[in-house]
Amino acid sequence: VQLQASGGGSVQAGGSLRLSCTASGRTSTPHTMAWFRQVTGKEREFVAAVDWKGVETHYADSVKGRFTISRDRASRDRAENTMYLQMDSLKPEDTAVYYCASTGLNIATIHLIMRGDIDYWGKGTQVTVSS
C-alpha cells in the first residue's frame, strides 16, 4: 500500500484547510486509516482515525469539534481509496507536518492505533498556521 498526502499549506488562525490522502494498492483486508502530526523536536502524535467503512471515527482531544475525518468506503476490489481531513478553526498550535497512515488493525483497537501501531505511512504534508 502506498499513501500520498496533499493539501497542506499556510493559513491564518481561524482559517481552514483540507488534507487528502490517496491509498493505492490492494490489501487482503480493508484498512483503518488515520492522520498523525509531528512538530520538529517532538514525538509524532495521533490526530484522527476512521474505520474502513468511513463510519466510526476517533479524534485527539485537541482537535475535537474542529477537525473532521472522512474517507471513501474501502473495498478489496478498489485499488485506490481516499481519506480526507477537514481542518477548521485552525490554531497556531496546529502547525506541524501531517502524515496519513494505514493499519490492518480494527478501529476497536484504537488505543493501539493512537500509539502508532501502523502498517503504512505516507510522506508528510506541512501545515502552517500563523497568528
Protein backbone atom coordinates (compact mmCIF):
# COMPACT_ATOMS: atom_id res chain seq x y z
CA VAL A 1 0.00 0.00 0.00
CA GLN A 2 1.30 3.43 -0.94
CA LEU A 3 -0.03 6.58 0.67
CA GLN A 4 0.16 10.05 -0.86
CA ALA A 5 -0.90 13.08 1.17
CA SER A 6 -1.67 16.52 -0.23
CA GLY A 7 -3.43 19.76 0.67
CA GLY A 8 -1.07 21.29 3.19
CA GLY A 9 -0.21 24.96 3.15
CA SER A 10 -0.18 28.19 5.11
CA VAL A 11 -3.23 29.81 6.61
CA GLN A 12 -4.05 32.39 9.26
CA ALA A 13 -5.52 31.41 12.60
CA GLY A 14 -9.23 30.74 12.29
CA GLY A 15 -8.87 29.57 8.72
CA SER A 16 -9.45 26.16 7.15
CA LEU A 17 -7.53 23.58 5.16
CA ARG A 18 -8.48 20.21 3.72
CA LEU A 19 -5.94 17.43 3.54
CA SER A 20 -6.31 14.44 1.25
CA CYS A 21 -4.59 11.07 1.32
CA THR A 22 -4.84 8.59 -1.50
CA ALA A 23 -4.03 4.96 -0.72
CA SER A 24 -3.14 2.78 -3.67
CA GLY A 25 -2.59 -0.95 -3.83
CA ARG A 26 -4.95 -3.74 -2.82
CA THR A 27 -4.76 -5.33 0.61
CA SER A 28 -6.14 -8.60 1.89
CA THR A 29 -8.38 -6.73 4.31
CA PRO A 30 -9.73 -3.18 4.31
CA HIS A 31 -7.64 -0.91 6.48
CA THR A 32 -8.35 1.62 9.18
CA MET A 33 -6.83 4.95 8.15
CA ALA A 34 -5.54 7.74 10.32
CA TRP A 35 -3.81 11.11 10.48
CA PHE A 36 -0.87 11.91 12.72
CA ARG A 37 1.16 15.08 13.04
CA GLN A 38 4.63 15.97 14.19
CA VAL A 39 6.34 19.16 15.25
CA THR A 40 10.10 19.28 14.88
CA GLY A 41 11.72 18.04 18.05
CA LYS A 42 8.56 16.41 19.35
CA GLU A 43 7.05 12.97 19.05
CA ARG A 44 4.53 12.19 16.35
CA GLU A 45 1.01 12.45 17.77
CA PHE A 46 -2.32 10.97 16.82
CA VAL A 47 -4.88 13.30 15.26
CA ALA A 48 -7.81 11.24 13.99
CA ALA A 49 -8.79 7.80 12.65
CA VAL A 50 -11.62 6.37 10.58
CA ASP A 51 -12.73 2.77 10.06
CA TRP A 52 -12.77 1.05 6.68
CA LYS A 53 -16.48 1.81 6.20
CA GLY A 54 -16.00 5.50 6.85
CA VAL A 55 -18.49 5.33 9.72
CA GLU A 56 -16.63 5.17 13.04
CA THR A 57 -14.21 7.97 13.84
CA HIS A 58 -11.93 8.93 16.72
CA TYR A 59 -10.19 12.24 17.42
CA ALA A 60 -7.50 13.59 19.67
CA ASP A 61 -8.99 15.86 22.32
CA SER A 62 -7.03 18.80 20.92
CA VAL A 63 -8.86 18.71 17.57
CA LYS A 64 -12.36 17.54 18.55
CA GLY A 65 -15.04 19.82 17.20
CA ARG A 66 -12.63 21.47 14.75
CA PHE A 67 -11.36 18.63 12.54
CA THR A 68 -13.42 16.13 10.57
CA ILE A 69 -12.00 12.91 9.15
CA SER A 70 -13.74 11.06 6.34
CA ARG A 71 -12.98 8.55 3.62
CA ASP A 72 -14.34 6.65 0.68
CA ARG A 73 -15.63 3.25 1.77
CA ALA A 74 -12.80 0.74 1.39
CA SER A 75 -13.12 -2.25 -0.89
CA ARG A 76 -10.95 -5.21 -1.76
CA ASP A 77 -11.90 -4.60 -5.38
CA ARG A 78 -10.85 -0.99 -5.47
CA ALA A 79 -7.17 -0.28 -5.97
CA GLU A 80 -7.38 3.29 -4.63
CA ASN A 81 -9.07 4.78 -1.62
CA THR A 82 -9.05 8.40 -0.47
CA MET A 83 -9.17 9.82 3.05
CA TYR A 84 -9.73 13.46 4.00
CA LEU A 85 -9.10 15.71 6.97
CA GLN A 86 -11.16 18.89 7.04
CA MET A 87 -9.47 21.29 9.43
CA ASP A 88 -11.47 24.31 10.59
CA SER A 89 -10.83 27.00 13.20
CA LEU A 90 -7.14 26.34 12.87
CA LYS A 91 -4.81 27.47 15.64
CA PRO A 92 -1.08 28.20 15.58
CA GLU A 93 -0.56 25.08 17.71
CA ASP A 94 -1.92 23.00 14.81
CA THR A 95 1.24 23.84 12.88
CA ALA A 96 3.00 20.56 12.09
CA VAL A 97 3.83 18.07 9.40
CA TYR A 98 0.75 15.90 8.91
CA TYR A 99 1.11 12.23 7.99
CA CYS A 100 -1.52 9.85 6.73
CA ALA A 101 -1.36 6.26 7.87
CA SER A 102 -2.98 2.92 7.28
CA THR A 103 -3.26 -0.12 9.52
CA GLY A 104 -4.81 -3.55 9.35
CA LEU A 105 -5.96 -3.13 12.95
CA ASN A 106 -9.68 -2.82 13.54
CA ILE A 107 -10.68 0.57 14.86
CA ALA A 108 -11.90 -1.19 18.01
CA THR A 109 -8.21 -1.30 18.95
CA ILE A 110 -7.95 2.47 18.72
CA HIS A 111 -5.63 2.58 21.72
CA LEU A 112 -3.02 0.70 19.68
CA ILE A 113 -3.56 2.86 16.62
CA MET A 114 -3.19 6.04 18.70
CA ARG A 115 0.20 4.94 19.96
CA GLY A 116 1.38 4.47 16.39
CA ASP A 117 0.81 0.79 15.64
CA ILE A 118 0.70 1.47 11.90
CA ASP A 119 1.50 -0.65 8.85
CA TYR A 120 1.99 2.07 6.25
CA TRP A 121 2.99 5.72 6.48
CA GLY A 122 2.73 8.37 3.82
CA LYS A 123 5.12 11.25 3.33
CA GLY A 124 4.09 14.27 5.32
CA THR A 125 2.49 17.49 4.22
CA GLN A 126 3.29 20.75 6.02
CA VAL A 127 0.52 22.77 7.66
CA THR A 128 1.46 26.21 8.97
CA VAL A 129 -0.99 28.38 10.92
CA SER A 130 0.05 31.94 11.65
CA SER A 131 -1.38 34.10 14.40
